[in-house]
Structures are given as structure tokens and as C-alpha cells.
Amino acid sequence: MKRPADIIYCILLFLLQLVISDYVHLGPWISLCLLPLLILLIPLSRSPHVVMLIAFGLGLGLDILSDGVPGLNAFAAVLAAAPRKFLYRLLVNADRQDKTEVPLLRDNGLLKYLKYLGVLTAIYLAAYTLVDCISVRPLGYIAAKFLISWVASTALCLLLALPIQNRS
């Protein structure tokens, strides 16, 4: 993300996440998240420590600016950011592991990109849902909320990842 247009796109994604967090209520079963996509858009050349700090800042900013539980998004974002490079090597393509680019759908194919995005989203939502619901909700509710939120969030992130595919 070196071009100004890419940085503006990430800022717009963060602002969209704020709007979704504050104004889009789809019931108690669905939590939509865009932070996994923002984590995915960080160049692979960044060290895991820097990526986790960026994820922490994004999550904490979301927690502060929205009506969420302080630290919940930050915790989940750091857990999703920690294995990002490992998951890229494992799920996408071991031959491309030394490239310093952002993983794009057009370069990796739909299935590999969807697996990578889906796993990052699953890690984020598992942490978020468990910490948010573990002491007050039954396990069936937690599992259903996780599954529904995972499908909806992954689909939304995939849809929002499409505009950056045509950059040069």
C-alpha cells in the first residue's frame, strides 16, 4: 500500500467499518467485520511485529470510535495479524512467499484468496465472538453467531476487495 489511492481506500474501509459498527444492526446473530481485509492489505514485506501493531491500532481505534467493548476489536485484530505471513505461505503459494506485494485476488486465484481471507476472518471472529459471548451465552448461540458472521463478513470483505484488483 504505497500509492495514495491505496491508502485512501484503506481509510475508507476503516470509516465503513465504523459506520457498520455504529449504524448497521443485523440482529444479535451477525457481526460484520472489515478489519481482516485491512490486515490482509498490509504488504507482506512488513514484519509480523509491525503488522500486529498496525492491527492493534486499527482495532483500538475502532473500539474507541464505536460503541464496542474497549479492547475487544484490538485483541481480535492482533490475533488475526499474528499468523498472517505464515498463513499466506501455507494457503496461498509458497513460491511467492518472498514477494513484498499485497496478496490480490487476480494474482492468486479465487479459491486461494478466499481460503486466505476466510481463515483470517475466522481467527478474528473466533476471538471476537468467544470473548464477547463466552460467559453469558450458550455454546450453540456462540457457534451459530460465529458461523453466520463468518460467512457474511468473508463475503463482504471479498466484495470490497474487488476494487483494488485492477491497480497497476
N, C-alpha and C. Protein backbone atom coordinates (compact mmCIF):
# COMPACT_ATOMS: atom_id res chain seq x y z
N MET A 1 0.84 -1.18 0.00
CA MET A 1 0.00 0.00 0.00
C MET A 1 0.89 1.24 0.00
N LYS A 2 1.41 1.53 -1.15
CA LYS A 2 2.29 2.68 -1.24
C LYS A 2 1.65 3.84 -1.99
N ARG A 3 0.73 3.53 -2.86
CA ARG A 3 0.09 4.59 -3.63
C ARG A 3 -0.92 5.34 -2.76
N PRO A 4 -1.06 6.64 -2.98
CA PRO A 4 -2.05 7.40 -2.20
C PRO A 4 -3.46 6.85 -2.35
N ALA A 5 -3.80 6.34 -3.52
CA ALA A 5 -5.14 5.79 -3.73
C ALA A 5 -5.37 4.57 -2.84
N ASP A 6 -4.33 3.76 -2.64
CA ASP A 6 -4.45 2.58 -1.78
C ASP A 6 -4.64 2.98 -0.32
N ILE A 7 -3.93 3.99 0.10
CA ILE A 7 -4.05 4.46 1.49
C ILE A 7 -5.43 5.06 1.71
N ILE A 8 -5.91 5.83 0.75
CA ILE A 8 -7.26 6.41 0.85
C ILE A 8 -8.30 5.30 0.90
N TYR A 9 -8.11 4.25 0.09
CA TYR A 9 -9.05 3.12 0.10
C TYR A 9 -9.08 2.46 1.48
N CYS A 10 -7.92 2.29 2.10
CA CYS A 10 -7.89 1.68 3.44
C CYS A 10 -8.56 2.58 4.48
N ILE A 11 -8.37 3.87 4.36
CA ILE A 11 -9.05 4.81 5.27
C ILE A 11 -10.56 4.72 5.08
N LEU A 12 -10.99 4.64 3.83
CA LEU A 12 -12.43 4.50 3.55
C LEU A 12 -12.98 3.18 4.09
N LEU A 13 -12.19 2.11 3.99
CA LEU A 13 -12.62 0.83 4.57
C LEU A 13 -12.77 0.93 6.09
N PHE A 14 -11.84 1.63 6.73
CA PHE A 14 -11.93 1.80 8.18
C PHE A 14 -13.15 2.62 8.55
N LEU A 15 -13.41 3.69 7.79
CA LEU A 15 -14.60 4.50 8.05
C LEU A 15 -15.88 3.71 7.81
N LEU A 16 -15.87 2.86 6.78
CA LEU A 16 -17.02 1.99 6.54
C LEU A 16 -17.21 1.02 7.70
N GLN A 17 -16.12 0.51 8.26
CA GLN A 17 -16.23 -0.36 9.43
C GLN A 17 -16.84 0.39 10.61
N LEU A 18 -16.47 1.64 10.77
CA LEU A 18 -17.07 2.46 11.83
C LEU A 18 -18.58 2.62 11.62
N VAL A 19 -18.97 2.89 10.40
CA VAL A 19 -20.40 3.03 10.09
C VAL A 19 -21.13 1.72 10.34
N ILE A 20 -20.54 0.62 9.90
CA ILE A 20 -21.16 -0.69 10.12
C ILE A 20 -21.29 -0.97 11.61
N SER A 21 -20.25 -0.67 12.37
CA SER A 21 -20.28 -0.95 13.82
C SER A 21 -21.32 -0.13 14.54
N ASP A 22 -21.50 1.12 14.11
CA ASP A 22 -22.41 2.01 14.83
C ASP A 22 -23.84 2.01 14.31
N TYR A 23 -24.04 1.78 13.02
CA TYR A 23 -25.37 2.00 12.45
C TYR A 23 -26.00 0.80 11.76
N VAL A 24 -25.23 -0.22 11.46
CA VAL A 24 -25.80 -1.39 10.78
C VAL A 24 -25.98 -2.50 11.81
N HIS A 25 -27.22 -2.70 12.22
CA HIS A 25 -27.53 -3.73 13.21
C HIS A 25 -28.38 -4.80 12.54
N LEU A 26 -27.79 -5.94 12.31
CA LEU A 26 -28.47 -7.03 11.63
C LEU A 26 -28.98 -8.07 12.62
N GLY A 27 -29.13 -7.67 13.85
CA GLY A 27 -29.61 -8.58 14.88
C GLY A 27 -28.45 -9.11 15.71
N PRO A 28 -28.78 -9.91 16.70
CA PRO A 28 -27.73 -10.41 17.60
C PRO A 28 -26.88 -11.52 16.98
N TRP A 29 -27.26 -12.02 15.82
CA TRP A 29 -26.58 -13.16 15.23
C TRP A 29 -25.44 -12.79 14.29
N ILE A 30 -25.39 -11.55 13.83
CA ILE A 30 -24.41 -11.19 12.82
C ILE A 30 -23.55 -10.01 13.29
N SER A 31 -22.25 -10.21 13.24
CA SER A 31 -21.29 -9.13 13.46
C SER A 31 -20.46 -9.02 12.18
N LEU A 32 -20.57 -7.91 11.49
CA LEU A 32 -19.80 -7.72 10.27
C LEU A 32 -18.46 -7.06 10.60
N CYS A 33 -17.40 -7.58 10.02
CA CYS A 33 -16.08 -7.01 10.28
C CYS A 33 -15.29 -6.86 8.99
N LEU A 34 -14.57 -5.76 8.91
CA LEU A 34 -13.71 -5.48 7.77
C LEU A 34 -12.23 -5.43 8.17
N LEU A 35 -11.94 -5.53 9.45
CA LEU A 35 -10.55 -5.47 9.89
C LEU A 35 -9.70 -6.59 9.31
N PRO A 36 -10.22 -7.82 9.11
CA PRO A 36 -9.37 -8.84 8.46
C PRO A 36 -8.93 -8.42 7.05
N LEU A 37 -9.78 -7.74 6.32
CA LEU A 37 -9.40 -7.26 4.99
C LEU A 37 -8.32 -6.19 5.10
N LEU A 38 -8.45 -5.29 6.06
CA LEU A 38 -7.42 -4.27 6.26
C LEU A 38 -6.08 -4.90 6.64
N ILE A 39 -6.12 -5.95 7.43
CA ILE A 39 -4.90 -6.66 7.81
C ILE A 39 -4.29 -7.34 6.58
N LEU A 40 -5.14 -7.91 5.76
CA LEU A 40 -4.68 -8.58 4.55
C LEU A 40 -4.05 -7.60 3.58
N LEU A 41 -4.49 -6.35 3.56
CA LEU A 41 -3.99 -5.35 2.63
C LEU A 41 -2.64 -4.74 3.03
N ILE A 42 -2.13 -5.10 4.18
CA ILE A 42 -0.80 -4.64 4.59
C ILE A 42 0.23 -5.44 3.79
N PRO A 43 1.22 -4.78 3.19
CA PRO A 43 2.21 -5.50 2.37
C PRO A 43 2.91 -6.62 3.15
N LEU A 44 3.21 -7.70 2.45
CA LEU A 44 3.85 -8.85 3.07
C LEU A 44 5.28 -8.57 3.53
N SER A 45 5.86 -7.48 3.05
CA SER A 45 7.22 -7.13 3.45
C SER A 45 7.29 -6.62 4.89
N ARG A 46 6.20 -6.23 5.45
CA ARG A 46 6.18 -5.75 6.84
C ARG A 46 6.43 -6.90 7.80
N SER A 47 7.17 -6.63 8.84
CA SER A 47 7.45 -7.67 9.83
C SER A 47 6.17 -7.98 10.62
N PRO A 48 6.07 -9.18 11.16
CA PRO A 48 4.87 -9.53 11.94
C PRO A 48 4.62 -8.60 13.12
N HIS A 49 5.69 -8.08 13.71
CA HIS A 49 5.52 -7.17 14.85
C HIS A 49 4.87 -5.86 14.41
N VAL A 50 5.30 -5.34 13.27
CA VAL A 50 4.71 -4.10 12.76
C VAL A 50 3.26 -4.33 12.37
N VAL A 51 2.97 -5.47 11.75
CA VAL A 51 1.60 -5.79 11.34
C VAL A 51 0.71 -5.91 12.58
N MET A 52 1.21 -6.54 13.63
CA MET A 52 0.41 -6.66 14.85
C MET A 52 0.19 -5.29 15.50
N LEU A 53 1.18 -4.41 15.45
CA LEU A 53 0.99 -3.06 15.99
C LEU A 53 -0.03 -2.27 15.17
N ILE A 54 0.03 -2.41 13.85
CA ILE A 54 -0.96 -1.74 13.00
C ILE A 54 -2.36 -2.29 13.29
N ALA A 55 -2.46 -3.62 13.40
CA ALA A 55 -3.75 -4.25 13.70
C ALA A 55 -4.27 -3.80 15.06
N PHE A 56 -3.38 -3.71 16.04
CA PHE A 56 -3.78 -3.23 17.37
C PHE A 56 -4.30 -1.81 17.29
N GLY A 57 -3.60 -0.95 16.55
CA GLY A 57 -4.04 0.44 16.39
C GLY A 57 -5.39 0.53 15.69
N LEU A 58 -5.57 -0.26 14.63
CA LEU A 58 -6.86 -0.26 13.94
C LEU A 58 -7.98 -0.74 14.86
N GLY A 59 -7.73 -1.83 15.58
CA GLY A 59 -8.74 -2.37 16.49
C GLY A 59 -9.05 -1.43 17.64
N LEU A 60 -8.02 -0.84 18.21
CA LEU A 60 -8.23 0.09 19.32
C LEU A 60 -8.94 1.35 18.83
N GLY A 61 -8.57 1.81 17.64
CA GLY A 61 -9.27 2.97 17.07
C GLY A 61 -10.74 2.67 16.86
N LEU A 62 -11.04 1.47 16.38
CA LEU A 62 -12.44 1.07 16.20
C LEU A 62 -13.15 0.98 17.54
N ASP A 63 -12.48 0.43 18.54
CA ASP A 63 -13.08 0.32 19.87
C ASP A 63 -13.38 1.70 20.47
N ILE A 64 -12.47 2.62 20.29
CA ILE A 64 -12.64 3.95 20.86
C ILE A 64 -13.71 4.75 20.11
N LEU A 65 -13.71 4.65 18.79
CA LEU A 65 -14.63 5.46 17.99
C LEU A 65 -16.03 4.86 17.84
N SER A 66 -16.19 3.60 18.17
CA SER A 66 -17.52 2.99 18.08
C SER A 66 -18.00 2.63 19.48
N ASP A 67 -19.17 2.04 19.54
CA ASP A 67 -19.76 1.72 20.84
C ASP A 67 -19.44 0.30 21.29
N GLY A 68 -18.25 -0.17 21.00
CA GLY A 68 -17.88 -1.53 21.34
C GLY A 68 -17.24 -1.64 22.71
N VAL A 69 -16.88 -2.84 23.06
CA VAL A 69 -16.17 -3.11 24.31
C VAL A 69 -14.71 -2.70 24.11
N PRO A 70 -14.17 -1.83 24.94
CA PRO A 70 -12.79 -1.39 24.76
C PRO A 70 -11.80 -2.56 24.78
N GLY A 71 -11.02 -2.65 23.73
CA GLY A 71 -10.00 -3.68 23.63
C GLY A 71 -10.42 -4.94 22.90
N LEU A 72 -11.70 -5.13 22.66
CA LEU A 72 -12.17 -6.37 22.04
C LEU A 72 -11.73 -6.48 20.59
N ASN A 73 -11.96 -5.45 19.80
CA ASN A 73 -11.51 -5.47 18.41
C ASN A 73 -9.99 -5.48 18.32
N ALA A 74 -9.32 -4.77 19.20
CA ALA A 74 -7.86 -4.75 19.21
C ALA A 74 -7.31 -6.15 19.47
N PHE A 75 -7.87 -6.85 20.44
CA PHE A 75 -7.45 -8.22 20.76
C PHE A 75 -7.65 -9.15 19.57
N ALA A 76 -8.83 -9.10 18.98
CA ALA A 76 -9.14 -9.98 17.85
C ALA A 76 -8.27 -9.65 16.64
N ALA A 77 -8.01 -8.37 16.40
CA ALA A 77 -7.20 -7.96 15.24
C ALA A 77 -5.75 -8.42 15.40
N VAL A 78 -5.21 -8.34 16.60
CA VAL A 78 -3.84 -8.80 16.83
C VAL A 78 -3.75 -10.31 16.63
N LEU A 79 -4.74 -11.04 17.10
CA LEU A 79 -4.73 -12.50 16.90
C LEU A 79 -4.83 -12.87 15.42
N ALA A 80 -5.54 -12.09 14.64
CA ALA A 80 -5.63 -12.36 13.21
C ALA A 80 -4.36 -11.94 12.49
N ALA A 81 -3.69 -10.91 12.96
CA ALA A 81 -2.49 -10.41 12.30
C ALA A 81 -1.26 -11.26 12.58
N ALA A 82 -1.21 -11.90 13.73
CA ALA A 82 -0.01 -12.65 14.12
C ALA A 82 0.38 -13.74 13.11
N PRO A 83 -0.53 -14.61 12.68
CA PRO A 83 -0.13 -15.68 11.76
C PRO A 83 -0.30 -15.33 10.28
N ARG A 84 -0.45 -14.06 9.95
CA ARG A 84 -0.77 -13.64 8.59
C ARG A 84 0.24 -14.13 7.56
N LYS A 85 1.52 -13.91 7.79
CA LYS A 85 2.54 -14.31 6.82
C LYS A 85 2.64 -15.83 6.73
N PHE A 86 2.54 -16.51 7.85
CA PHE A 86 2.55 -17.98 7.85
C PHE A 86 1.37 -18.53 7.07
N LEU A 87 0.19 -17.96 7.30
CA LEU A 87 -1.00 -18.42 6.58
C LEU A 87 -0.89 -18.14 5.08
N TYR A 88 -0.27 -17.03 4.72
CA TYR A 88 -0.07 -16.74 3.30
C TYR A 88 0.81 -17.81 2.66
N ARG A 89 1.90 -18.16 3.33
CA ARG A 89 2.79 -19.19 2.80
C ARG A 89 2.11 -20.55 2.74
N LEU A 90 1.31 -20.84 3.73
CA LEU A 90 0.65 -22.13 3.81
C LEU A 90 -0.51 -22.26 2.83
N LEU A 91 -1.35 -21.24 2.74
CA LEU A 91 -2.60 -21.35 1.99
C LEU A 91 -2.54 -20.81 0.57
N VAL A 92 -1.70 -19.84 0.32
CA VAL A 92 -1.75 -19.18 -0.98
C VAL A 92 -0.73 -19.78 -1.94
N ASN A 93 0.55 -19.54 -1.69
CA ASN A 93 1.53 -20.04 -2.63
C ASN A 93 2.92 -19.91 -2.03
N ALA A 94 3.56 -21.01 -1.78
CA ALA A 94 4.89 -21.00 -1.19
C ALA A 94 5.92 -20.38 -2.12
N ASP A 95 5.70 -20.41 -3.42
CA ASP A 95 6.65 -19.84 -4.36
C ASP A 95 6.68 -18.32 -4.30
N ARG A 96 5.62 -17.70 -3.83
CA ARG A 96 5.52 -16.24 -3.82
C ARG A 96 5.82 -15.67 -2.44
N GLN A 97 6.34 -16.45 -1.52
CA GLN A 97 6.47 -16.00 -0.14
C GLN A 97 7.46 -14.85 0.05
N ASP A 98 8.42 -14.68 -0.85
CA ASP A 98 9.39 -13.62 -0.68
C ASP A 98 8.99 -12.32 -1.36
N LYS A 99 7.91 -12.31 -2.08
CA LYS A 99 7.46 -11.09 -2.74
C LYS A 99 6.93 -10.13 -1.68
N THR A 100 7.09 -8.87 -1.94
CA THR A 100 6.71 -7.85 -0.96
C THR A 100 5.40 -7.17 -1.33
N GLU A 101 4.60 -7.81 -2.10
CA GLU A 101 3.36 -7.21 -2.54
C GLU A 101 2.19 -7.57 -1.63
N VAL A 102 1.10 -6.94 -1.89
CA VAL A 102 -0.15 -7.25 -1.21
C VAL A 102 -0.80 -8.40 -1.96
N PRO A 103 -1.26 -9.43 -1.27
CA PRO A 103 -1.94 -10.53 -1.97
C PRO A 103 -3.22 -10.02 -2.64
N LEU A 104 -3.33 -10.27 -3.93
CA LEU A 104 -4.50 -9.84 -4.68
C LEU A 104 -5.22 -11.05 -5.27
N LEU A 105 -6.50 -10.89 -5.44
CA LEU A 105 -7.33 -11.94 -6.00
C LEU A 105 -6.87 -12.32 -7.40
N ARG A 106 -6.57 -11.34 -8.22
CA ARG A 106 -6.19 -11.63 -9.61
C ARG A 106 -4.87 -12.38 -9.70
N ASP A 107 -3.98 -12.21 -8.75
CA ASP A 107 -2.68 -12.88 -8.78
C ASP A 107 -2.72 -14.29 -8.21
N ASN A 108 -3.65 -14.56 -7.31
CA ASN A 108 -3.64 -15.81 -6.58
C ASN A 108 -4.80 -16.74 -6.93
N GLY A 109 -5.81 -16.24 -7.57
CA GLY A 109 -6.97 -17.05 -7.89
C GLY A 109 -8.01 -16.96 -6.78
N LEU A 110 -9.25 -17.19 -7.16
CA LEU A 110 -10.37 -17.03 -6.22
C LEU A 110 -10.29 -18.00 -5.05
N LEU A 111 -10.01 -19.26 -5.31
CA LEU A 111 -10.02 -20.26 -4.24
C LEU A 111 -8.94 -19.99 -3.20
N LYS A 112 -7.72 -19.73 -3.63
CA LYS A 112 -6.64 -19.47 -2.68
C LYS A 112 -6.87 -18.17 -1.91
N TYR A 113 -7.32 -17.15 -2.61
CA TYR A 113 -7.58 -15.87 -1.96
C TYR A 113 -8.71 -16.01 -0.94
N LEU A 114 -9.75 -16.73 -1.32
CA LEU A 114 -10.89 -16.93 -0.43
C LEU A 114 -10.50 -17.74 0.80
N LYS A 115 -9.65 -18.75 0.62
CA LYS A 115 -9.16 -19.52 1.78
C LYS A 115 -8.38 -18.62 2.73
N TYR A 116 -7.49 -17.84 2.17
CA TYR A 116 -6.66 -16.94 2.98
C TYR A 116 -7.52 -15.92 3.73
N LEU A 117 -8.40 -15.26 3.02
CA LEU A 117 -9.30 -14.28 3.63
C LEU A 117 -10.23 -14.95 4.64
N GLY A 118 -10.74 -16.12 4.30
CA GLY A 118 -11.65 -16.84 5.18
C GLY A 118 -11.00 -17.25 6.50
N VAL A 119 -9.75 -17.71 6.42
CA VAL A 119 -9.05 -18.11 7.65
C VAL A 119 -8.74 -16.90 8.52
N LEU A 120 -8.28 -15.80 7.91
CA LEU A 120 -8.04 -14.58 8.70
C LEU A 120 -9.32 -14.08 9.36
N THR A 121 -10.41 -14.11 8.62
CA THR A 121 -11.69 -13.68 9.17
C THR A 121 -12.16 -14.62 10.27
N ALA A 122 -11.94 -15.92 10.08
CA ALA A 122 -12.33 -16.89 11.10
C ALA A 122 -11.56 -16.70 12.40
N ILE A 123 -10.26 -16.43 12.30
CA ILE A 123 -9.47 -16.19 13.50
C ILE A 123 -9.97 -14.94 14.22
N TYR A 124 -10.19 -13.88 13.46
CA TYR A 124 -10.68 -12.64 14.05
C TYR A 124 -12.03 -12.85 14.74
N LEU A 125 -12.96 -13.47 14.03
CA LEU A 125 -14.31 -13.64 14.58
C LEU A 125 -14.35 -14.65 15.72
N ALA A 126 -13.52 -15.67 15.67
CA ALA A 126 -13.47 -16.64 16.78
C ALA A 126 -13.05 -15.93 18.07
N ALA A 127 -11.99 -15.13 17.97
CA ALA A 127 -11.54 -14.39 19.15
C ALA A 127 -12.59 -13.39 19.61
N TYR A 128 -13.14 -12.65 18.67
CA TYR A 128 -14.13 -11.62 18.99
C TYR A 128 -15.38 -12.24 19.62
N THR A 129 -15.92 -13.28 19.00
CA THR A 129 -17.17 -13.89 19.47
C THR A 129 -16.98 -14.59 20.81
N LEU A 130 -15.87 -15.31 20.95
CA LEU A 130 -15.65 -16.00 22.22
C LEU A 130 -15.50 -15.03 23.38
N VAL A 131 -14.71 -14.00 23.21
CA VAL A 131 -14.51 -13.05 24.30
C VAL A 131 -15.79 -12.26 24.58
N ASP A 132 -16.54 -11.97 23.53
CA ASP A 132 -17.77 -11.18 23.70
C ASP A 132 -18.89 -11.98 24.35
N CYS A 133 -18.97 -13.28 24.08
CA CYS A 133 -20.16 -14.05 24.48
C CYS A 133 -19.90 -15.18 25.47
N ILE A 134 -18.69 -15.52 25.77
CA ILE A 134 -18.40 -16.79 26.44
C ILE A 134 -19.07 -16.96 27.80
N SER A 135 -19.21 -15.93 28.58
CA SER A 135 -19.75 -16.14 29.92
C SER A 135 -21.26 -15.94 30.01
N VAL A 136 -21.88 -15.44 28.96
CA VAL A 136 -23.31 -15.14 29.06
C VAL A 136 -24.18 -15.86 28.04
N ARG A 137 -23.59 -16.56 27.10
CA ARG A 137 -24.36 -17.22 26.04
C ARG A 137 -24.05 -18.70 26.00
N PRO A 138 -25.04 -19.50 25.59
CA PRO A 138 -24.78 -20.94 25.43
C PRO A 138 -23.87 -21.20 24.22
N LEU A 139 -23.24 -22.35 24.23
CA LEU A 139 -22.29 -22.70 23.18
C LEU A 139 -22.94 -22.74 21.80
N GLY A 140 -24.17 -23.19 21.70
CA GLY A 140 -24.87 -23.23 20.42
C GLY A 140 -25.05 -21.84 19.83
N TYR A 141 -25.38 -20.88 20.66
CA TYR A 141 -25.52 -19.50 20.20
C TYR A 141 -24.18 -18.96 19.70
N ILE A 142 -23.12 -19.22 20.45
CA ILE A 142 -21.79 -18.74 20.07
C ILE A 142 -21.38 -19.34 18.73
N ALA A 143 -21.61 -20.64 18.56
CA ALA A 143 -21.24 -21.31 17.31
C ALA A 143 -22.06 -20.77 16.13
N ALA A 144 -23.36 -20.57 16.34
CA ALA A 144 -24.21 -20.05 15.27
C ALA A 144 -23.82 -18.61 14.92
N LYS A 145 -23.57 -17.79 15.92
CA LYS A 145 -23.17 -16.41 15.66
C LYS A 145 -21.85 -16.36 14.92
N PHE A 146 -20.90 -17.20 15.32
CA PHE A 146 -19.61 -17.25 14.64
C PHE A 146 -19.79 -17.65 13.17
N LEU A 147 -20.54 -18.70 12.93
CA LEU A 147 -20.70 -19.22 11.56
C LEU A 147 -21.41 -18.21 10.66
N ILE A 148 -22.50 -17.64 11.13
CA ILE A 148 -23.24 -16.67 10.33
C ILE A 148 -22.40 -15.41 10.09
N SER A 149 -21.74 -14.94 11.13
CA SER A 149 -20.89 -13.74 10.99
C SER A 149 -19.71 -14.01 10.06
N TRP A 150 -19.15 -15.22 10.14
CA TRP A 150 -18.01 -15.57 9.29
C TRP A 150 -18.40 -15.56 7.81
N VAL A 151 -19.52 -16.17 7.49
CA VAL A 151 -19.96 -16.20 6.10
C VAL A 151 -20.26 -14.78 5.59
N ALA A 152 -20.99 -14.00 6.38
CA ALA A 152 -21.36 -12.65 5.96
C ALA A 152 -20.13 -11.74 5.86
N SER A 153 -19.23 -11.80 6.82
CA SER A 153 -18.05 -10.94 6.81
C SER A 153 -17.08 -11.32 5.70
N THR A 154 -16.89 -12.61 5.47
CA THR A 154 -16.00 -13.04 4.39
C THR A 154 -16.55 -12.60 3.04
N ALA A 155 -17.85 -12.75 2.85
CA ALA A 155 -18.47 -12.31 1.59
C ALA A 155 -18.33 -10.80 1.41
N LEU A 156 -18.57 -10.04 2.46
CA LEU A 156 -18.45 -8.59 2.38
C LEU A 156 -17.00 -8.17 2.10
N CYS A 157 -16.05 -8.79 2.77
CA CYS A 157 -14.63 -8.48 2.54
C CYS A 157 -14.23 -8.83 1.11
N LEU A 158 -14.70 -9.96 0.60
CA LEU A 158 -14.38 -10.34 -0.77
C LEU A 158 -14.96 -9.33 -1.75
N LEU A 159 -16.17 -8.90 -1.51
CA LEU A 159 -16.80 -7.90 -2.37
C LEU A 159 -16.03 -6.57 -2.33
N LEU A 160 -15.57 -6.18 -1.16
CA LEU A 160 -14.84 -4.92 -1.02
C LEU A 160 -13.39 -5.03 -1.50
N ALA A 161 -12.88 -6.24 -1.65
CA ALA A 161 -11.52 -6.43 -2.16
C ALA A 161 -11.47 -6.31 -3.67
N LEU A 162 -12.59 -6.43 -4.34
CA LEU A 162 -12.62 -6.38 -5.80
C LEU A 162 -12.13 -5.05 -6.40
N PRO A 163 -12.44 -3.88 -5.83
CA PRO A 163 -11.98 -2.63 -6.47
C PRO A 163 -10.47 -2.47 -6.55
N ILE A 164 -9.72 -3.10 -5.68
CA ILE A 164 -8.27 -2.93 -5.72
C ILE A 164 -7.59 -3.92 -6.65
N GLN A 165 -8.33 -4.78 -7.30
CA GLN A 165 -7.74 -5.80 -8.16
C GLN A 165 -7.22 -5.25 -9.48
N ASN A 166 -7.69 -4.10 -9.90
CA ASN A 166 -7.32 -3.56 -11.20
C ASN A 166 -6.21 -2.51 -11.12
N ARG A 167 -5.54 -2.42 -10.00
CA ARG A 167 -4.47 -1.44 -9.89
C ARG A 167 -3.23 -1.94 -10.62
N SER A 168 -2.39 -1.05 -11.01
CA SER A 168 -1.20 -1.44 -11.77
C SER A 168 0.04 -1.50 -10.90
